[in-house]
Amino acid sequence: MVTYRRGGHVQSDDEAVERLCEHCGWHCVADGYPELVSQYQSHLRAEHPKAWLRA
């Protein structure tokens, strides 16, 4: 069973991290924090450019 963490680092093979967008219904689950950050930043750039500039 996979355990999802909100932020933070994955500590074992059966964990994942997740992130919700504060501006819309976008949701992401990733195997590691760097992948999650990359996907979230890409989403902000594409969908919420003003919010991305403030981040």
Protein backbone atom coordinates (compact mmCIF):
# COMPACT_ATOMS: atom_id res chain seq x y z
CA MET A 1 0.00 0.00 0.00
CA VAL A 2 1.36 3.40 -1.02
CA THR A 3 1.48 6.12 1.63
CA TYR A 4 1.03 9.69 0.38
CA ARG A 5 2.73 12.61 2.06
CA ARG A 6 1.81 16.25 1.61
CA GLY A 7 5.18 17.82 0.92
CA GLY A 8 8.32 16.48 2.56
CA HIS A 9 10.54 13.71 1.30
CA VAL A 10 9.75 10.15 0.34
CA GLN A 11 11.39 7.88 2.90
CA SER A 12 10.73 4.44 1.41
CA ASP A 13 9.69 2.72 -1.82
CA ASP A 14 6.05 2.52 -0.77
CA GLU A 15 5.61 6.28 -0.22
CA ALA A 16 4.75 9.13 -2.56
CA VAL A 17 4.27 12.89 -2.19
CA GLU A 18 1.26 14.88 -3.30
CA ARG A 19 0.39 18.52 -3.91
CA LEU A 20 -2.82 20.43 -4.51
CA CYS A 21 -2.99 23.73 -6.34
CA GLU A 22 -4.35 26.57 -4.20
CA HIS A 23 -5.77 28.27 -7.31
CA CYS A 24 -7.70 25.44 -8.99
CA GLY A 25 -8.48 21.73 -8.73
CA TRP A 26 -5.08 20.52 -10.02
CA HIS A 27 -3.61 17.62 -8.05
CA CYS A 28 -0.33 15.77 -8.45
CA VAL A 29 1.16 12.63 -6.92
CA ALA A 30 4.85 11.93 -7.52
CA ASP A 31 7.48 9.42 -6.46
CA GLY A 32 9.80 12.11 -5.12
CA TYR A 33 9.83 15.71 -3.97
CA PRO A 34 12.01 17.09 -6.84
CA GLU A 35 9.61 15.60 -9.42
CA LEU A 36 6.63 17.04 -7.54
CA VAL A 37 8.15 20.53 -7.39
CA SER A 38 8.95 20.42 -11.11
CA GLN A 39 5.41 19.42 -12.04
CA TYR A 40 3.88 22.02 -9.72
CA GLN A 41 6.10 24.82 -11.09
CA SER A 42 5.23 23.78 -14.66
CA HIS A 43 1.54 23.89 -13.78
CA LEU A 44 1.86 27.35 -12.21
CA ARG A 45 3.77 28.70 -15.23
CA ALA A 46 1.15 27.39 -17.66
CA GLU A 47 -2.07 28.02 -15.75
CA HIS A 48 -1.33 30.76 -13.19
CA PRO A 49 1.62 32.86 -14.47
CA LYS A 50 1.05 35.73 -11.99
CA ALA A 51 1.10 33.29 -9.07
CA TRP A 52 4.22 31.62 -10.52
CA LEU A 53 6.07 34.94 -10.61
CA ARG A 54 5.30 35.45 -6.90
CA ALA A 55 6.39 31.91 -5.94
